[in-house]
Amino acid sequence: MDWLDSHAGSVQAAATLVLVALTGYYAWASRALVRETHTTLQANARAMLQARMDRISEICIQDPNLMSLLDDEADDSMDVRFFFSNMFLGVLEEAHTQYALEHSMPAEDWSAWAATAETFLGRPYFAGYWQRVQHTYEPSFQRFVNGRLPQPEPRKAEPTPATTSLPSSRG
C-alpha cells in the first residue's frame, strides 16, 4: 500500500491517459457509425422516392390517356388528373427537399428529377392546378415550379381608334 501512496500521482496520470485514449477510440468509432448510418438513411430515402416515382409511372402505363388529359386546361373537378398531379408534385417536392434543402441528393440524380419535372410541368393542366395548390408547398419549391411552368404569352395591345383633339377654345 505504501507503494500506491507514494506513486498515486503517477498511477492517476496513467489511468487518465488510458481513459483519454479509450474515449478517443470510442469517439472515432461512433463517428464512423454515424457516417455509415447517415449514408444508409440517404440511400433509403432515395430508394423510397424512386419507388414512389415508379408507382406514378405505373399509373401512366395503366391509363395511357392520362398524359393527353394533362394537355387540357385545369378546372375545379377532382378527377384523376387532380390526384395524379397531387402525387407527382408531392414526390417532386420531396426530391427537391433532398437536393436543395438537405443536400442529401447528388446533382446528377437531381438533374434527372428536374428533367422529369419539365415533362409534366409543361402540360397545360399543371399551370391551372398549380394556381390552386401552390400555397400548400414550401417556398423554395414554389419558386422551382413557378420557374418551370409555361409563362402566359403577353397580350398584344389592341389598337385603339385614333382620336382627334380639337384645339381648346379658351380665350
Protein backbone atom coordinates (compact mmCIF):
# COMPACT_ATOMS: atom_id res chain seq x y z
CA MET A 1 0.00 0.00 0.00
CA ASP A 2 2.88 2.31 0.65
CA TRP A 3 3.87 1.98 -2.97
CA LEU A 4 0.45 3.21 -4.15
CA ASP A 5 0.57 6.08 -1.70
CA SER A 6 3.98 7.15 -2.90
CA HIS A 7 3.11 6.72 -6.62
CA ALA A 8 -0.52 7.89 -6.54
CA GLY A 9 0.14 10.82 -8.88
CA SER A 10 1.80 8.58 -11.47
CA VAL A 11 -0.96 5.98 -11.28
CA GLN A 12 -3.60 8.69 -11.61
CA ALA A 13 -1.82 10.18 -14.64
CA ALA A 14 -1.52 6.75 -16.30
CA ALA A 15 -5.19 5.99 -15.64
CA THR A 16 -6.18 9.38 -17.07
CA LEU A 17 -4.15 8.73 -20.24
CA VAL A 18 -5.79 5.33 -20.65
CA LEU A 19 -9.25 6.90 -20.25
CA VAL A 20 -8.41 9.68 -22.74
CA ALA A 21 -7.18 7.10 -25.27
CA LEU A 22 -10.26 4.94 -24.73
CA THR A 23 -12.59 7.97 -25.08
CA GLY A 24 -10.80 8.96 -28.30
CA TYR A 25 -11.27 5.46 -29.71
CA TYR A 26 -15.00 5.49 -28.86
CA ALA A 27 -15.39 8.92 -30.44
CA TRP A 28 -13.68 7.73 -33.62
CA ALA A 29 -15.77 4.54 -33.75
CA SER A 30 -19.00 6.46 -33.06
CA ARG A 31 -18.23 8.97 -35.79
CA ALA A 32 -17.72 6.16 -38.29
CA LEU A 33 -21.04 4.59 -37.24
CA VAL A 34 -22.85 7.92 -37.56
CA ARG A 35 -21.40 8.43 -41.04
CA GLU A 36 -22.43 4.93 -42.08
CA THR A 37 -25.93 5.41 -40.64
CA HIS A 38 -26.28 8.74 -42.46
CA THR A 39 -25.28 7.14 -45.76
CA THR A 40 -27.75 4.31 -45.21
CA LEU A 41 -30.57 6.73 -44.40
CA GLN A 42 -29.86 8.79 -47.52
CA ALA A 43 -29.85 5.70 -49.71
CA ASN A 44 -33.09 4.54 -48.14
CA ALA A 45 -34.72 7.94 -48.69
CA ARG A 46 -33.71 7.95 -52.37
CA ALA A 47 -34.93 4.37 -52.81
CA MET A 48 -38.28 5.27 -51.25
CA LEU A 49 -38.53 8.31 -53.50
CA GLN A 50 -37.77 6.20 -56.57
CA ALA A 51 -40.39 3.64 -55.52
CA ARG A 52 -42.98 6.43 -55.31
CA MET A 53 -41.97 7.67 -58.77
CA ASP A 54 -42.18 4.12 -60.12
CA ARG A 55 -45.75 3.98 -58.83
CA ILE A 56 -46.54 7.16 -60.76
CA SER A 57 -45.04 5.56 -63.88
CA GLU A 58 -47.25 2.51 -63.34
CA ILE A 59 -50.31 4.76 -63.21
CA CYS A 60 -49.27 6.35 -66.52
CA ILE A 61 -48.88 2.90 -68.06
CA GLN A 62 -52.22 1.67 -66.71
CA ASP A 63 -54.04 4.74 -68.03
CA PRO A 64 -52.50 5.65 -71.40
CA ASN A 65 -54.97 8.52 -71.83
CA LEU A 66 -53.77 10.29 -68.70
CA MET A 67 -50.99 12.20 -70.42
CA SER A 68 -53.36 13.54 -73.06
CA LEU A 69 -55.79 14.59 -70.30
CA LEU A 70 -52.99 16.72 -68.83
CA ASP A 71 -52.95 18.66 -72.10
CA ASP A 72 -56.40 20.06 -71.27
CA GLU A 73 -56.85 23.17 -69.16
CA ALA A 74 -57.46 22.71 -65.44
CA ASP A 75 -60.90 23.05 -63.94
CA ASP A 76 -62.26 22.64 -60.43
CA SER A 77 -63.05 18.93 -60.75
CA MET A 78 -61.20 16.46 -58.59
CA ASP A 79 -60.72 13.83 -61.26
CA VAL A 80 -57.80 11.51 -61.98
CA ARG A 81 -55.69 14.46 -63.17
CA PHE A 82 -56.07 16.19 -59.80
CA PHE A 83 -54.94 13.17 -57.81
CA PHE A 84 -52.17 12.31 -60.25
CA SER A 85 -50.85 15.88 -60.12
CA ASN A 86 -51.02 15.86 -56.34
CA MET A 87 -49.00 12.63 -56.20
CA PHE A 88 -46.44 13.87 -58.70
CA LEU A 89 -45.90 17.23 -57.02
CA GLY A 90 -45.61 15.55 -53.61
CA VAL A 91 -42.87 13.25 -54.86
CA LEU A 92 -41.16 16.07 -56.71
CA GLU A 93 -41.23 18.28 -53.61
CA GLU A 94 -39.57 15.54 -51.58
CA ALA A 95 -36.85 15.19 -54.24
CA HIS A 96 -36.41 18.97 -54.26
CA THR A 97 -36.12 19.00 -50.47
CA GLN A 98 -33.47 16.28 -50.53
CA TYR A 99 -31.49 18.19 -53.14
CA ALA A 100 -31.92 21.85 -52.26
CA LEU A 101 -32.50 21.89 -48.51
CA GLU A 102 -30.99 18.74 -47.05
CA HIS A 103 -28.21 18.42 -49.65
CA SER A 104 -28.61 14.65 -49.50
CA MET A 105 -29.23 14.12 -53.21
CA PRO A 106 -26.33 14.37 -55.67
CA ALA A 107 -26.61 16.87 -58.52
CA GLU A 108 -26.63 14.14 -61.18
CA ASP A 109 -29.66 12.50 -59.51
CA TRP A 110 -31.40 15.85 -59.23
CA SER A 111 -30.88 16.61 -62.92
CA ALA A 112 -32.94 13.52 -63.78
CA TRP A 113 -35.71 14.69 -61.45
CA ALA A 114 -35.63 18.18 -62.97
CA ALA A 115 -35.91 16.70 -66.48
CA THR A 116 -38.91 14.65 -65.36
CA ALA A 117 -40.45 17.79 -63.88
CA GLU A 118 -40.06 19.57 -67.23
CA THR A 119 -42.00 16.74 -68.91
CA PHE A 120 -45.01 17.11 -66.64
CA LEU A 121 -44.97 20.78 -65.66
CA GLY A 122 -45.05 21.88 -69.29
CA ARG A 123 -48.55 20.48 -69.70
CA PRO A 124 -51.47 22.94 -69.55
CA TYR A 125 -53.30 21.19 -66.71
CA PHE A 126 -50.42 21.72 -64.30
CA ALA A 127 -50.46 25.51 -64.67
CA GLY A 128 -54.09 25.76 -63.55
CA TYR A 129 -53.74 23.08 -60.90
CA TRP A 130 -50.64 24.79 -59.50
CA GLN A 131 -52.52 28.07 -59.09
CA ARG A 132 -54.97 26.27 -56.80
CA VAL A 133 -52.45 24.44 -54.63
CA GLN A 134 -49.11 26.26 -54.68
CA HIS A 135 -49.67 27.88 -51.29
CA THR A 136 -49.52 24.42 -49.68
CA TYR A 137 -45.90 23.85 -50.72
CA GLU A 138 -42.57 25.02 -49.33
CA PRO A 139 -41.47 28.45 -50.72
CA SER A 140 -38.28 27.30 -52.45
CA PHE A 141 -40.25 24.51 -54.14
CA GLN A 142 -42.84 27.09 -55.23
CA ARG A 143 -40.05 29.10 -56.87
CA PHE A 144 -38.74 25.95 -58.58
CA VAL A 145 -42.16 25.07 -60.03
CA ASN A 146 -43.01 28.66 -60.97
CA GLY A 147 -39.75 28.85 -62.93
CA ARG A 148 -40.70 25.81 -64.97
CA LEU A 149 -44.35 26.41 -65.75
CA PRO A 150 -45.10 27.80 -69.18
CA GLN A 151 -45.38 31.55 -68.95
CA PRO A 152 -48.51 33.03 -70.50
CA GLU A 153 -47.84 34.94 -73.65
CA PRO A 154 -48.15 38.68 -73.19
CA ARG A 155 -51.35 40.07 -74.54
CA LYS A 156 -50.99 42.24 -77.55
CA ALA A 157 -52.35 45.72 -77.08
CA GLU A 158 -55.46 46.17 -79.08
CA PRO A 159 -55.33 49.12 -81.43
CA THR A 160 -57.45 51.98 -80.25
CA PRO A 161 -59.28 54.13 -82.74
CA ALA A 162 -57.43 57.30 -83.50
CA THR A 163 -58.91 60.30 -81.83
CA THR A 164 -58.55 63.82 -82.90
CA SER A 165 -58.22 66.55 -80.42
CA LEU A 166 -59.83 69.80 -81.04
CA PRO A 167 -57.97 72.91 -80.09
CA SER A 168 -59.04 74.42 -76.88
CA SER A 169 -61.26 77.45 -77.18
CA ARG A 170 -60.05 79.22 -74.11
CA GLY A 171 -59.53 82.73 -74.66
